[in-house]
Amino acid sequence: MSALIQLFGSFFTIGLFAFGGGYAVLSFLQQEVERRGWMTTERFVDLIAIAQSTPGPIAINMATFVGYQTGGIPGALIATLAVSLPGMIMMTTFALFFFHFYERPKTQALFKG
């Protein structure tokens, strides 16, 4: 169970600081994978090749593949959710604030220029 908690923590952190897109995440992800001893560098490079060739964002694909290699299907689900969760939280928070302030005249004027 602690491996799944480590997966969640690592991938949540990666998702939180994943500025610059999926390829920017790869270096940080590789350092985390090597630090925790989840897989060899060779295996990690193989997963990058697979993640590039499958549909979808590379960060999500890598989270799924590393999670699966580390913790099977539960690991894949947890890692994928964890890397996606920070963005979901930020967008939901932004949407709540946006809809709260959208009807105000100053906000309308700001959007009109």
PDB file of N, CA and C in Angstrom:
ATOM      1  N   MET A   1       0.816  -1.205   0.000  1.00  0.00           N
ATOM      2  CA  MET A   1       0.000   0.000   0.000  1.00  0.00           C
ATOM      3  C   MET A   1       0.856   1.264   0.000  1.00  0.00           C
ATOM      4  N   SER A   2       2.025   1.207   0.665  1.00  0.00           N
ATOM      5  CA  SER A   2       2.862   2.404   0.716  1.00  0.00           C
ATOM      6  C   SER A   2       3.411   2.763  -0.662  1.00  0.00           C
ATOM      7  N   ALA A   3       3.585   1.769  -1.543  1.00  0.00           N
ATOM      8  CA  ALA A   3       4.045   2.060  -2.911  1.00  0.00           C
ATOM      9  C   ALA A   3       2.997   2.879  -3.650  1.00  0.00           C
ATOM     10  N   LEU A   4       1.730   2.589  -3.428  1.00  0.00           N
ATOM     11  CA  LEU A   4       0.661   3.347  -4.077  1.00  0.00           C
ATOM     12  C   LEU A   4       0.588   4.776  -3.533  1.00  0.00           C
ATOM     13  N   ILE A   5       0.847   4.932  -2.247  1.00  0.00           N
ATOM     14  CA  ILE A   5       0.872   6.271  -1.653  1.00  0.00           C
ATOM     15  C   ILE A   5       2.052   7.067  -2.209  1.00  0.00           C
ATOM     16  N   GLN A   6       3.208   6.405  -2.360  1.00  0.00           N
ATOM     17  CA  GLN A   6       4.365   7.065  -2.972  1.00  0.00           C
ATOM     18  C   GLN A   6       4.059   7.473  -4.408  1.00  0.00           C
ATOM     19  N   LEU A   7       3.400   6.583  -5.143  1.00  0.00           N
ATOM     20  CA  LEU A   7       3.014   6.906  -6.519  1.00  0.00           C
ATOM     21  C   LEU A   7       2.127   8.144  -6.553  1.00  0.00           C
ATOM     22  N   PHE A   8       1.119   8.162  -5.697  1.00  0.00           N
ATOM     23  CA  PHE A   8       0.207   9.303  -5.676  1.00  0.00           C
ATOM     24  C   PHE A   8       0.960  10.588  -5.359  1.00  0.00           C
ATOM     25  N   GLY A   9       1.776  10.568  -4.323  1.00  0.00           N
ATOM     26  CA  GLY A   9       2.519  11.767  -3.934  1.00  0.00           C
ATOM     27  C   GLY A   9       3.455  12.257  -5.018  1.00  0.00           C
ATOM     28  N   SER A  10       4.171  11.338  -5.630  1.00  0.00           N
ATOM     29  CA  SER A  10       5.119  11.714  -6.682  1.00  0.00           C
ATOM     30  C   SER A  10       4.404  12.298  -7.890  1.00  0.00           C
ATOM     31  N   PHE A  11       3.362  11.635  -8.347  1.00  0.00           N
ATOM     32  CA  PHE A  11       2.682  12.097  -9.551  1.00  0.00           C
ATOM     33  C   PHE A  11       1.810  13.322  -9.297  1.00  0.00           C
ATOM     34  N   PHE A  12       1.311  13.484  -8.090  1.00  0.00           N
ATOM     35  CA  PHE A  12       0.590  14.714  -7.763  1.00  0.00           C
ATOM     36  C   PHE A  12       1.551  15.898  -7.819  1.00  0.00           C
ATOM     37  N   THR A  13       2.748  15.717  -7.260  1.00  0.00           N
ATOM     38  CA  THR A  13       3.769  16.767  -7.307  1.00  0.00           C
ATOM     39  C   THR A  13       4.170  17.077  -8.738  1.00  0.00           C
ATOM     40  N   ILE A  14       4.352  16.046  -9.539  1.00  0.00           N
ATOM     41  CA  ILE A  14       4.700  16.242 -10.948  1.00  0.00           C
ATOM     42  C   ILE A  14       3.590  17.014 -11.655  1.00  0.00           C
ATOM     43  N   GLY A  15       2.350  16.647 -11.411  1.00  0.00           N
ATOM     44  CA  GLY A  15       1.224  17.351 -12.021  1.00  0.00           C
ATOM     45  C   GLY A  15       1.115  18.791 -11.559  1.00  0.00           C
ATOM     46  N   LEU A  16       1.500  19.033 -10.320  1.00  0.00           N
ATOM     47  CA  LEU A  16       1.424  20.377  -9.761  1.00  0.00           C
ATOM     48  C   LEU A  16       2.441  21.317 -10.401  1.00  0.00           C
ATOM     49  N   PHE A  17       3.594  20.780 -10.757  1.00  0.00           N
ATOM     50  CA  PHE A  17       4.671  21.606 -11.315  1.00  0.00           C
ATOM     51  C   PHE A  17       4.938  21.305 -12.777  1.00  0.00           C
ATOM     52  N   ALA A  18       3.944  20.816 -13.484  1.00  0.00           N
ATOM     53  CA  ALA A  18       4.112  20.404 -14.883  1.00  0.00           C
ATOM     54  C   ALA A  18       3.888  21.562 -15.839  1.00  0.00           C
ATOM     55  N   PHE A  19       4.651  22.621 -15.664  1.00  0.00           N
ATOM     56  CA  PHE A  19       4.557  23.752 -16.577  1.00  0.00           C
ATOM     57  C   PHE A  19       5.411  23.459 -17.799  1.00  0.00           C
ATOM     58  N   GLY A  20       4.927  23.836 -18.948  1.00  0.00           N
ATOM     59  CA  GLY A  20       5.698  23.647 -20.164  1.00  0.00           C
ATOM     60  C   GLY A  20       5.293  22.431 -20.960  1.00  0.00           C
ATOM     61  N   GLY A  21       4.287  21.719 -20.528  1.00  0.00           N
ATOM     62  CA  GLY A  21       3.810  20.576 -21.290  1.00  0.00           C
ATOM     63  C   GLY A  21       4.447  19.267 -20.858  1.00  0.00           C
ATOM     64  N   GLY A  22       4.028  18.216 -21.541  1.00  0.00           N
ATOM     65  CA  GLY A  22       4.434  16.868 -21.178  1.00  0.00           C
ATOM     66  C   GLY A  22       5.919  16.596 -21.291  1.00  0.00           C
ATOM     67  N   TYR A  23       6.550  17.125 -22.323  1.00  0.00           N
ATOM     68  CA  TYR A  23       7.973  16.857 -22.503  1.00  0.00           C
ATOM     69  C   TYR A  23       8.814  17.517 -21.422  1.00  0.00           C
ATOM     70  N   ALA A  24       8.350  18.621 -20.874  1.00  0.00           N
ATOM     71  CA  ALA A  24       9.054  19.273 -19.773  1.00  0.00           C
ATOM     72  C   ALA A  24       9.002  18.420 -18.507  1.00  0.00           C
ATOM     73  N   VAL A  25       8.011  17.571 -18.403  1.00  0.00           N
ATOM     74  CA  VAL A  25       7.828  16.720 -17.233  1.00  0.00           C
ATOM     75  C   VAL A  25       8.794  15.533 -17.241  1.00  0.00           C
ATOM     76  N   LEU A  26       9.230  15.116 -18.410  1.00  0.00           N
ATOM     77  CA  LEU A  26      10.004  13.880 -18.526  1.00  0.00           C
ATOM     78  C   LEU A  26      11.274  13.882 -17.683  1.00  0.00           C
ATOM     79  N   SER A  27      11.994  14.983 -17.646  1.00  0.00           N
ATOM     80  CA  SER A  27      13.224  15.045 -16.858  1.00  0.00           C
ATOM     81  C   SER A  27      12.920  14.894 -15.370  1.00  0.00           C
ATOM     82  N   PHE A  28      11.915  15.624 -14.905  1.00  0.00           N
ATOM     83  CA  PHE A  28      11.513  15.530 -13.504  1.00  0.00           C
ATOM     84  C   PHE A  28      11.034  14.121 -13.174  1.00  0.00           C
ATOM     85  N   LEU A  29      10.267  13.539 -14.078  1.00  0.00           N
ATOM     86  CA  LEU A  29       9.756  12.185 -13.882  1.00  0.00           C
ATOM     87  C   LEU A  29      10.898  11.173 -13.847  1.00  0.00           C
ATOM     88  N   GLN A  30      11.873  11.324 -14.730  1.00  0.00           N
ATOM     89  CA  GLN A  30      13.005  10.397 -14.744  1.00  0.00           C
ATOM     90  C   GLN A  30      13.789  10.478 -13.434  1.00  0.00           C
ATOM     91  N   GLN A  31      14.009  11.674 -12.929  1.00  0.00           N
ATOM     92  CA  GLN A  31      14.705  11.820 -11.650  1.00  0.00           C
ATOM     93  C   GLN A  31      13.937  11.131 -10.528  1.00  0.00           C
ATOM     94  N   GLU A  32      12.629  11.287 -10.527  1.00  0.00           N
ATOM     95  CA  GLU A  32      11.796  10.672  -9.485  1.00  0.00           C
ATOM     96  C   GLU A  32      11.826   9.147  -9.588  1.00  0.00           C
ATOM     97  N   VAL A  33      11.734   8.637 -10.804  1.00  0.00           N
ATOM     98  CA  VAL A  33      11.745   7.188 -11.025  1.00  0.00           C
ATOM     99  C   VAL A  33      13.083   6.596 -10.591  1.00  0.00           C
ATOM    100  N   GLU A  34      14.176   7.262 -10.937  1.00  0.00           N
ATOM    101  CA  GLU A  34      15.498   6.762 -10.551  1.00  0.00           C
ATOM    102  C   GLU A  34      15.723   6.888  -9.049  1.00  0.00           C
ATOM    103  N   ARG A  35      15.274   7.991  -8.465  1.00  0.00           N
ATOM    104  CA  ARG A  35      15.451   8.195  -7.024  1.00  0.00           C
ATOM    105  C   ARG A  35      14.730   7.123  -6.217  1.00  0.00           C
ATOM    106  N   ARG A  36      13.557   6.749  -6.669  1.00  0.00           N
ATOM    107  CA  ARG A  36      12.767   5.745  -5.952  1.00  0.00           C
ATOM    108  C   ARG A  36      13.099   4.309  -6.367  1.00  0.00           C
ATOM    109  N   GLY A  37      13.886   4.162  -7.425  1.00  0.00           N
ATOM    110  CA  GLY A  37      14.266   2.822  -7.867  1.00  0.00           C
ATOM    111  C   GLY A  37      13.124   2.035  -8.479  1.00  0.00           C
ATOM    112  N   TRP A  38      12.176   2.737  -9.099  1.00  0.00           N
ATOM    113  CA  TRP A  38      11.017   2.062  -9.673  1.00  0.00           C
ATOM    114  C   TRP A  38      11.361   1.276 -10.924  1.00  0.00           C
ATOM    115  N   MET A  39      12.355   1.747 -11.699  1.00  0.00           N
ATOM    116  CA  MET A  39      12.762   1.032 -12.912  1.00  0.00           C
ATOM    117  C   MET A  39      14.109   1.550 -13.370  1.00  0.00           C
ATOM    118  N   THR A  40      14.692   0.830 -14.308  1.00  0.00           N
ATOM    119  CA  THR A  40      15.988   1.225 -14.855  1.00  0.00           C
ATOM    120  C   THR A  40      15.808   2.355 -15.870  1.00  0.00           C
ATOM    121  N   THR A  41      16.907   3.014 -16.168  1.00  0.00           N
ATOM    122  CA  THR A  41      16.883   4.074 -17.181  1.00  0.00           C
ATOM    123  C   THR A  41      16.486   3.511 -18.532  1.00  0.00           C
ATOM    124  N   GLU A  42      16.969   2.321 -18.843  1.00  0.00           N
ATOM    125  CA  GLU A  42      16.635   1.695 -20.125  1.00  0.00           C
ATOM    126  C   GLU A  42      15.137   1.452 -20.242  1.00  0.00           C
ATOM    127  N   ARG A  43      14.536   0.963 -19.182  1.00  0.00           N
ATOM    128  CA  ARG A  43      13.095   0.712 -19.191  1.00  0.00           C
ATOM    129  C   ARG A  43      12.328   2.029 -19.312  1.00  0.00           C
ATOM    130  N   PHE A  44      12.803   3.058 -18.636  1.00  0.00           N
ATOM    131  CA  PHE A  44      12.164   4.364 -18.705  1.00  0.00           C
ATOM    132  C   PHE A  44      12.191   4.904 -20.131  1.00  0.00           C
ATOM    133  N   VAL A  45      13.330   4.773 -20.802  1.00  0.00           N
ATOM    134  CA  VAL A  45      13.447   5.234 -22.187  1.00  0.00           C
ATOM    135  C   VAL A  45      12.507   4.440 -23.089  1.00  0.00           C
ATOM    136  N   ASP A  46      12.384   3.136 -22.844  1.00  0.00           N
ATOM    137  CA  ASP A  46      11.435   2.325 -23.614  1.00  0.00           C
ATOM    138  C   ASP A  46      10.003   2.833 -23.428  1.00  0.00           C
ATOM    139  N   LEU A  47       9.660   3.193 -22.198  1.00  0.00           N
ATOM    140  CA  LEU A  47       8.309   3.700 -21.932  1.00  0.00           C
ATOM    141  C   LEU A  47       8.065   5.047 -22.605  1.00  0.00           C
ATOM    142  N   ILE A  48       9.103   5.867 -22.709  1.00  0.00           N
ATOM    143  CA  ILE A  48       8.951   7.140 -23.428  1.00  0.00           C
ATOM    144  C   ILE A  48       8.592   6.868 -24.883  1.00  0.00           C
ATOM    145  N   ALA A  49       9.274   5.897 -25.491  1.00  0.00           N
ATOM    146  CA  ALA A  49       8.980   5.557 -26.893  1.00  0.00           C
ATOM    147  C   ALA A  49       7.543   5.075 -27.046  1.00  0.00           C
ATOM    148  N   ILE A  50       7.090   4.259 -26.112  1.00  0.00           N
ATOM    149  CA  ILE A  50       5.713   3.762 -26.168  1.00  0.00           C
ATOM    150  C   ILE A  50       4.729   4.914 -25.942  1.00  0.00           C
ATOM    151  N   ALA A  51       5.029   5.776 -24.968  1.00  0.00           N
ATOM    152  CA  ALA A  51       4.134   6.898 -24.653  1.00  0.00           C
ATOM    153  C   ALA A  51       4.013   7.867 -25.825  1.00  0.00           C
ATOM    154  N   GLN A  52       5.095   8.034 -26.580  1.00  0.00           N
ATOM    155  CA  GLN A  52       5.046   8.924 -27.741  1.00  0.00           C
ATOM    156  C   GLN A  52       4.188   8.342 -28.858  1.00  0.00           C
ATOM    157  N   SER A  53       4.165   7.031 -28.949  1.00  0.00           N
ATOM    158  CA  SER A  53       3.450   6.404 -30.065  1.00  0.00           C
ATOM    159  C   SER A  53       1.979   6.133 -29.770  1.00  0.00           C
ATOM    160  N   THR A  54       1.561   6.292 -28.528  1.00  0.00           N
ATOM    161  CA  THR A  54       0.153   6.077 -28.192  1.00  0.00           C
ATOM    162  C   THR A  54      -0.584   7.411 -28.170  1.00  0.00           C
ATOM    163  N   PRO A  55      -1.887   7.402 -28.447  1.00  0.00           N
ATOM    164  CA  PRO A  55      -2.650   8.656 -28.456  1.00  0.00           C
ATOM    165  C   PRO A  55      -2.740   9.267 -27.060  1.00  0.00           C
ATOM    166  N   GLY A  56      -2.767  10.570 -27.013  1.00  0.00           N
ATOM    167  CA  GLY A  56      -2.934  11.273 -25.751  1.00  0.00           C
ATOM    168  C   GLY A  56      -1.679  12.003 -25.324  1.00  0.00           C
ATOM    169  N   PRO A  57      -1.811  12.822 -24.283  1.00  0.00           N
ATOM    170  CA  PRO A  57      -0.671  13.589 -23.783  1.00  0.00           C
ATOM    171  C   PRO A  57       0.410  12.673 -23.218  1.00  0.00           C
ATOM    172  N   ILE A  58       1.656  12.999 -23.484  1.00  0.00           N
ATOM    173  CA  ILE A  58       2.753  12.138 -23.055  1.00  0.00           C
ATOM    174  C   ILE A  58       2.853  12.065 -21.530  1.00  0.00           C
ATOM    175  N   ALA A  59       2.531  13.147 -20.822  1.00  0.00           N
ATOM    176  CA  ALA A  59       2.603  13.120 -19.360  1.00  0.00           C
ATOM    177  C   ALA A  59       1.584  12.139 -18.780  1.00  0.00           C
ATOM    178  N   ILE A  60       0.394  12.115 -19.346  1.00  0.00           N
ATOM    179  CA  ILE A  60      -0.637  11.179 -18.887  1.00  0.00           C
ATOM    180  C   ILE A  60      -0.230   9.750 -19.230  1.00  0.00           C
ATOM    181  N   ASN A  61       0.255   9.558 -20.446  1.00  0.00           N
ATOM    182  CA  ASN A  61       0.682   8.219 -20.859  1.00  0.00           C
ATOM    183  C   ASN A  61       1.820   7.707 -19.986  1.00  0.00           C
ATOM    184  N   MET A  62       2.804   8.559 -19.714  1.00  0.00           N
ATOM    185  CA  MET A  62       3.926   8.135 -18.876  1.00  0.00           C
ATOM    186  C   MET A  62       3.465   7.833 -17.457  1.00  0.00           C
ATOM    187  N   ALA A  63       2.560   8.637 -16.924  1.00  0.00           N
ATOM    188  CA  ALA A  63       2.032   8.364 -15.590  1.00  0.00           C
ATOM    189  C   ALA A  63       1.358   7.000 -15.564  1.00  0.00           C
ATOM    190  N   THR A  64       0.578   6.722 -16.586  1.00  0.00           N
ATOM    191  CA  THR A  64      -0.114   5.437 -16.658  1.00  0.00           C
ATOM    192  C   THR A  64       0.880   4.286 -16.751  1.00  0.00           C
ATOM    193  N   PHE A  65       1.872   4.414 -17.620  1.00  0.00           N
ATOM    194  CA  PHE A  65       2.831   3.326 -17.826  1.00  0.00           C
ATOM    195  C   PHE A  65       3.727   3.114 -16.612  1.00  0.00           C
ATOM    196  N   VAL A  66       4.232   4.202 -16.028  1.00  0.00           N
ATOM    197  CA  VAL A  66       5.079   4.064 -14.832  1.00  0.00           C
ATOM    198  C   VAL A  66       4.252   3.519 -13.674  1.00  0.00           C
ATOM    199  N   GLY A  67       3.033   4.011 -13.530  1.00  0.00           N
ATOM    200  CA  GLY A  67       2.159   3.492 -12.481  1.00  0.00           C
ATOM    201  C   GLY A  67       1.877   2.016 -12.645  1.00  0.00           C
ATOM    202  N   TYR A  68       1.664   1.587 -13.886  1.00  0.00           N
ATOM    203  CA  TYR A  68       1.405   0.168 -14.145  1.00  0.00           C
ATOM    204  C   TYR A  68       2.642  -0.670 -13.843  1.00  0.00           C
ATOM    205  N   GLN A  69       3.809  -0.194 -14.248  1.00  0.00           N
ATOM    206  CA  GLN A  69       5.050  -0.928 -13.989  1.00  0.00           C
ATOM    207  C   GLN A  69       5.328  -1.041 -12.494  1.00  0.00           C
ATOM    208  N   THR A  70       4.912  -0.030 -11.749  1.00  0.00           N
ATOM    209  CA  THR A  70       5.207   0.012 -10.322  1.00  0.00           C
ATOM    210  C   THR A  70       4.146  -0.688  -9.476  1.00  0.00           C
ATOM    211  N   GLY A  71       2.877  -0.503  -9.832  1.00  0.00           N
ATOM    212  CA  GLY A  71       1.817  -1.027  -8.974  1.00  0.00           C
ATOM    213  C   GLY A  71       0.682  -1.712  -9.685  1.00  0.00           C
ATOM    214  N   GLY A  72       0.920  -2.169 -10.922  1.00  0.00           N
ATOM    215  CA  GLY A  72      -0.134  -2.853 -11.661  1.00  0.00           C
ATOM    216  C   GLY A  72      -1.263  -1.900 -12.043  1.00  0.00           C
ATOM    217  N   ILE A  73      -2.443  -2.461 -12.203  1.00  0.00           N
ATOM    218  CA  ILE A  73      -3.597  -1.646 -12.599  1.00  0.00           C
ATOM    219  C   ILE A  73      -3.937  -0.586 -11.542  1.00  0.00           C
ATOM    220  N   PRO A  74      -3.932  -0.927 -10.239  1.00  0.00           N
ATOM    221  CA  PRO A  74      -4.177   0.140  -9.252  1.00  0.00           C
ATOM    222  C   PRO A  74      -3.137   1.261  -9.341  1.00  0.00           C
ATOM    223  N   GLY A  75      -1.886   0.901  -9.577  1.00  0.00           N
ATOM    224  CA  GLY A  75      -0.831   1.906  -9.718  1.00  0.00           C
ATOM    225  C   GLY A  75      -1.054   2.793 -10.922  1.00  0.00           C
ATOM    226  N   ALA A  76      -1.487   2.195 -12.033  1.00  0.00           N
ATOM    227  CA  ALA A  76      -1.760   2.977 -13.244  1.00  0.00           C
ATOM    228  C   ALA A  76      -2.893   3.963 -13.000  1.00  0.00           C
ATOM    229  N   LEU A  77      -3.946   3.508 -12.349  1.00  0.00           N
ATOM    230  CA  LEU A  77      -5.086   4.389 -12.065  1.00  0.00           C
ATOM    231  C   LEU A  77      -4.700   5.523 -11.119  1.00  0.00           C
ATOM    232  N   ILE A  78      -3.959   5.183 -10.076  1.00  0.00           N
ATOM    233  CA  ILE A  78      -3.566   6.189  -9.088  1.00  0.00           C
ATOM    234  C   ILE A  78      -2.620   7.217  -9.697  1.00  0.00           C
ATOM    235  N   ALA A  79      -1.617   6.762 -10.446  1.00  0.00           N
ATOM    236  CA  ALA A  79      -0.654   7.693 -11.047  1.00  0.00           C
ATOM    237  C   ALA A  79      -1.331   8.608 -12.062  1.00  0.00           C
ATOM    238  N   THR A  80      -2.226   8.052 -12.865  1.00  0.00           N
ATOM    239  CA  THR A  80      -2.927   8.859 -13.865  1.00  0.00           C
ATOM    240  C   THR A  80      -3.820   9.898 -13.196  1.00  0.00           C
ATOM    241  N   LEU A  81      -4.555   9.489 -12.183  1.00  0.00           N
ATOM    242  CA  LEU A  81      -5.401  10.430 -11.449  1.00  0.00           C
ATOM    243  C   LEU A  81      -4.555  11.496 -10.764  1.00  0.00           C
ATOM    244  N   ALA A  82      -3.460  11.077 -10.140  1.00  0.00           N
ATOM    245  CA  ALA A  82      -2.630  12.015  -9.381  1.00  0.00           C
ATOM    246  C   ALA A  82      -1.995  13.073 -10.272  1.00  0.00           C
ATOM    247  N   VAL A  83      -1.544  12.693 -11.466  1.00  0.00           N
ATOM    248  CA  VAL A  83      -0.912  13.681 -12.348  1.00  0.00           C
ATOM    249  C   VAL A  83      -1.960  14.622 -12.947  1.00  0.00           C
ATOM    250  N   SER A  84      -3.191  14.174 -13.055  1.00  0.00           N
ATOM    251  CA  SER A  84      -4.269  14.992 -13.627  1.00  0.00           C
ATOM    252  C   SER A  84      -4.957  15.874 -12.593  1.00  0.00           C
ATOM    253  N   LEU A  85      -4.956  15.453 -11.357  1.00  0.00           N
ATOM    254  CA  LEU A  85      -5.723  16.122 -10.306  1.00  0.00           C
ATOM    255  C   LEU A  85      -5.342  17.589 -10.070  1.00  0.00           C
ATOM    256  N   PRO A  86      -4.071  17.957 -10.011  1.00  0.00           N
ATOM    257  CA  PRO A  86      -3.760  19.378  -9.782  1.00  0.00           C
ATOM    258  C   PRO A  86      -4.355  20.300 -10.849  1.00  0.00           C
ATOM    259  N   GLY A  87      -4.268  19.915 -12.094  1.00  0.00           N
ATOM    260  CA  GLY A  87      -4.854  20.723 -13.169  1.00  0.00           C
ATOM    261  C   GLY A  87      -6.362  20.822 -13.043  1.00  0.00           C
ATOM    262  N   MET A  88      -6.990  19.709 -12.677  1.00  0.00           N
ATOM    263  CA  MET A  88      -8.445  19.721 -12.497  1.00  0.00           C
ATOM    264  C   MET A  88      -8.846  20.654 -11.359  1.00  0.00           C
ATOM    265  N   ILE A  89      -8.099  20.600 -10.271  1.00  0.00           N
ATOM    266  CA  ILE A  89      -8.399  21.457  -9.118  1.00  0.00           C
ATOM    267  C   ILE A  89      -8.222  22.927  -9.493  1.00  0.00           C
ATOM    268  N   MET A  90      -7.118  23.231 -10.191  1.00  0.00           N
ATOM    269  CA  MET A  90      -6.868  24.627 -10.578  1.00  0.00           C
ATOM    270  C   MET A  90      -7.937  25.150 -11.534  1.00  0.00           C
ATOM    271  N   MET A  91      -8.331  24.349 -12.498  1.00  0.00           N
ATOM    272  CA  MET A  91      -9.338  24.790 -13.467  1.00  0.00           C
ATOM    273  C   MET A  91     -10.712  24.945 -12.815  1.00  0.00           C
ATOM    274  N   THR A  92     -11.058  24.044 -11.911  1.00  0.00           N
ATOM    275  CA  THR A  92     -12.333  24.156 -11.203  1.00  0.00           C
ATOM    276  C   THR A  92     -12.355  25.413 -10.339  1.00  0.00           C
ATOM    277  N   THR A  93     -11.255  25.668  -9.643  1.00  0.00           N
ATOM    278  CA  THR A  93     -11.157  26.874  -8.816  1.00  0.00           C
ATOM    279  C   THR A  93     -11.267  28.125  -9.674  1.00  0.00           C
ATOM    280  N   PHE A  94     -10.553  28.153 -10.796  1.00  0.00           N
ATOM    281  CA  PHE A  94     -10.622  29.296 -11.705  1.00  0.00           C
ATOM    282  C   PHE A  94     -12.050  29.492 -12.211  1.00  0.00           C
ATOM    283  N   ALA A  95     -12.702  28.410 -12.590  1.00  0.00           N
ATOM    284  CA  ALA A  95     -14.070  28.510 -13.113  1.00  0.00           C
ATOM    285  C   ALA A  95     -15.023  29.058 -12.056  1.00  0.00           C
ATOM    286  N   LEU A  96     -14.860  28.624 -10.809  1.00  0.00           N
ATOM    287  CA  LEU A  96     -15.730  29.131  -9.745  1.00  0.00           C
ATOM    288  C   LEU A  96     -15.549  30.631  -9.548  1.00  0.00           C
ATOM    289  N   PHE A  97     -14.296  31.080  -9.531  1.00  0.00           N
ATOM    290  CA  PHE A  97     -14.045  32.514  -9.392  1.00  0.00           C
ATOM    291  C   PHE A  97     -14.530  33.278 -10.617  1.00  0.00           C
ATOM    292  N   PHE A  98     -14.310  32.721 -11.789  1.00  0.00           N
ATOM    293  CA  PHE A  98     -14.719  33.384 -13.022  1.00  0.00           C
ATOM    294  C   PHE A  98     -16.224  33.597 -13.038  1.00  0.00           C
ATOM    295  N   PHE A  99     -16.991  32.565 -12.745  1.00  0.00           N
ATOM    296  CA  PHE A  99     -18.446  32.690 -12.781  1.00  0.00           C
ATOM    297  C   PHE A  99     -18.968  33.592 -11.665  1.00  0.00           C
ATOM    298  N   HIS A 100     -18.213  33.668 -10.575  1.00  0.00           N
ATOM    299  CA  HIS A 100     -18.616  34.550  -9.478  1.00  0.00           C
ATOM    300  C   HIS A 100     -18.454  36.018  -9.869  1.00  0.00           C
ATOM    301  N   PHE A 101     -17.393  36.336 -10.587  1.00  0.00           N
ATOM    302  CA  PHE A 101     -17.097  37.724 -10.932  1.00  0.00           C
ATOM    303  C   PHE A 101     -17.520  38.120 -12.341  1.00  0.00           C
ATOM    304  N   TYR A 102     -17.970  37.199 -13.144  1.00  0.00           N
ATOM    305  CA  TYR A 102     -18.242  37.463 -14.555  1.00  0.00           C
ATOM    306  C   TYR A 102     -19.321  38.518 -14.771  1.00  0.00           C
ATOM    307  N   GLU A 103     -20.331  38.523 -13.951  1.00  0.00           N
ATOM    308  CA  GLU A 103     -21.467  39.436 -14.141  1.00  0.00           C
ATOM    309  C   GLU A 103     -21.187  40.858 -13.663  1.00  0.00           C
ATOM    310  N   ARG A 104     -20.094  41.082 -13.016  1.00  0.00           N
ATOM    311  CA  ARG A 104     -19.788  42.424 -12.518  1.00  0.00           C
ATOM    312  C   ARG A 104     -19.410  43.346 -13.676  1.00  0.00           C
ATOM    313  N   PRO A 105     -19.840  44.599 -13.611  1.00  0.00           N
ATOM    314  CA  PRO A 105     -19.565  45.535 -14.716  1.00  0.00           C
ATOM    315  C   PRO A 105     -18.076  45.725 -15.007  1.00  0.00           C
ATOM    316  N   LYS A 106     -17.247  45.769 -13.976  1.00  0.00           N
ATOM    317  CA  LYS A 106     -15.810  45.949 -14.204  1.00  0.00           C
ATOM    318  C   LYS A 106     -15.212  44.743 -14.926  1.00  0.00           C
ATOM    319  N   THR A 107     -15.691  43.570 -14.602  1.00  0.00           N
ATOM    320  CA  THR A 107     -15.211  42.375 -15.291  1.00  0.00           C
ATOM    321  C   THR A 107     -15.653  42.388 -16.742  1.00  0.00           C
ATOM    322  N   GLN A 108     -16.887  42.776 -16.991  1.00  0.00           N
ATOM    323  CA  GLN A 108     -17.391  42.875 -18.364  1.00  0.00           C
ATOM    324  C   GLN A 108     -16.564  43.880 -19.165  1.00  0.00           C
ATOM    325  N   ALA A 109     -16.256  45.013 -18.535  1.00  0.00           N
ATOM    326  CA  ALA A 109     -15.458  46.039 -19.217  1.00  0.00           C
ATOM    327  C   ALA A 109     -14.050  45.529 -19.509  1.00  0.00           C
ATOM    328  N   LEU A 110     -13.504  44.761 -18.605  1.00  0.00           N
ATOM    329  CA  LEU A 110     -12.170  44.193 -18.803  1.00  0.00           C
ATOM    330  C   LEU A 110     -12.142  43.281 -20.022  1.00  0.00           C
ATOM    331  N   PHE A 111     -13.170  42.470 -20.182  1.00  0.00           N
ATOM    332  CA  PHE A 111     -13.220  41.554 -21.324  1.00  0.00           C
ATOM    333  C   PHE A 111     -13.517  42.272 -22.642  1.00  0.00           C
ATOM    334  N   LYS A 112     -14.193  43.394 -22.559  1.00  0.00           N
ATOM    335  CA  LYS A 112     -14.500  44.149 -23.777  1.00  0.00           C
ATOM    336  C   LYS A 112     -13.322  45.008 -24.227  1.00  0.00           C
ATOM    337  N   GLY A 113     -12.392  45.249 -23.337  1.00  0.00           N
ATOM    338  CA  GLY A 113     -11.206  46.030 -23.705  1.00  0.00           C
ATOM    339  C   GLY A 113     -11.374  47.405 -23.336  1.00  0.00           C
TER     340      GLY A 113
END
